[in-house]
C-alpha cells in the first residue's frame, strides 16, 4: 500500500510516515494542496490522507479538483474539533472517511486498510462484470509443461511485462492468470480483455475510460480497464488485432505509466502489470507494417511460447479428467470417467484446436454418454475441422453451423443450443467472447440466441 499524507505540519507528516512504515505501509508527504495534486498526477497512490486546513488551496479544494480531474485515489479527511461541519461537507463531496485531531494512528491504519480493500473489491466486481472470470488452473506433467511452470515461477516474482504466444486454444489466458496467481499481488484484480472482441470504436473507451459527456451516450464517468486493474494485472489478449492509432496510445501508456480518459483533462497514473498474448506471429506482423516495432519491444520484455496439445499428448488424460469434472458439474450430470478406448482415441488425435477443442469434444461426449463412463463411440473427432473453427462444422462465413450427413436434425439442434449456452456460461454472458470460442461471428451467435429463445443472455 502506498499513501500520500497532506499536512502543512512537518512533525505530523513525519510521525505518520514513521508509524505507517512500522505497519509496512509506504508513505510520502506533501506540505500543500498544490504539491499534493502534483504528486497524485505523477504517480499512483492507494489512498490520500488530507488535512482540511492547508496554506494556499484548502483540503476541500484539493478534493474537488481531484474529483474534477477524475483522479481515482480515495481520500480520508483530517479535521480539528471545530471543523466537523467542513468534514461532513467533504464526505458529501466524495471523501471516503474522516478523522478528528488528535487521533490514534492505529485508527488511521484500520481506516486506510479498509478503504483500500473496499476499493480493491469495487474494482474486482466491476472488472468481473465487464470481462468475466476465466480458468486459472495450469494442468500438465510433461517435461515441456514442467519447464513452462518453472518459467512462470520466475516471471511471477517480478513485475516484468510478458508476451504470451501460441496457437489458438493453448491456454494463453490460463497462463496469464497463473502468472498473476503466483505473484506477490495475487489479491489485486486480474482484468482480461480480448482486443479482437471489442468494436474498434469502443476500444479506447474500454481501455482508458471516459468522462461524462465525452461522446453521445456517455451519461456518466466510466473508469477504464487500466484503472480497474489497479496494482494488479491487465491481460490484453489478441494484441495483434489492435488498430494502429490505439497502438500509439498504448505505447505512450507503457512509456509514461499514465492514461487519460476520453473527454478528460488530466492524466491518471497507472501501475498495472501488462501481459499480452497473440496466436499470430508478432514478428511477421511487424515486418508487414501491421504492428509497431517499438510497441512490440515494449511488450516482448519476456516471451512465453505455449506448446500445442499435440506436443504434450501425455497430458491429455490428465486434462480430460479435470475437464470432465468441470463440465459434468456445469451440466448437472453425475461424475463421469474416461474409458480406456476413449482415452486411446483422444491421445492418438492431433487436436488442431488444442485444449479448447478437447473441451468441446468432451462436452459433446457427456451429452451422448450412457452411464458414467465415456466410451470411444462417444468421442466424435470429425466435427472439429480446424483450430480456427473449434465448434462442430463451424462456418462463420455462411453464418450457420452445418450438420453432418445422416445426423438427426432435432438432436443436433439441441446439441447446438446446449453448446451455445455452455459457451455463454464460460464467457460470463459475453456474447463476443462466446462467439469467438465457437469460431462463429457475433452476428451468428446473436441469431442463434434469438432462434433458440435463450432469454437469459
Foldseek 3Di string as FASTA:
>chain_A
DEEEEEALDPVVQVVLQVVVVVVVYHYDYDNALVRVVVVQQQAPGQAYEAEQDHPDDGSLVSLLVCVQQVAPHAYEYEYEPVCVVVNVVSVVSGHPYYDYPPDDSVVVVVVSVVSSVVLQVVLQVVLCLPFNDADQDDFDDDPVSVVLVVVLLVLQADLAFEEEEEAAQLCPVNSVSNSQCNHPNVSGHEHEDEQVLDDLVCVQCQAAWAADPLDPPRNHTDGHNQVSRAQGAYEYEAVLPHAPVVLVVVLVCLVSQWGHHRVGDGIGHGNHRYYYYHHDDVVVCVVVVSHPPSSVCSNHPDYHYGDFCLVRLVRLQVLLQVLQVVLCVVVVHPAAHEDPQLSVVSSVDRPQLGSLLSSQQSNQLVVPDDDRYRHNVSGDPVQCDHNLASAGCDDQVVLDRDDDPPDDVVVVLVVVLVLLVVLCVNRVNSLSSSCRSRNHHSVSSVVSCVVVVVPVD
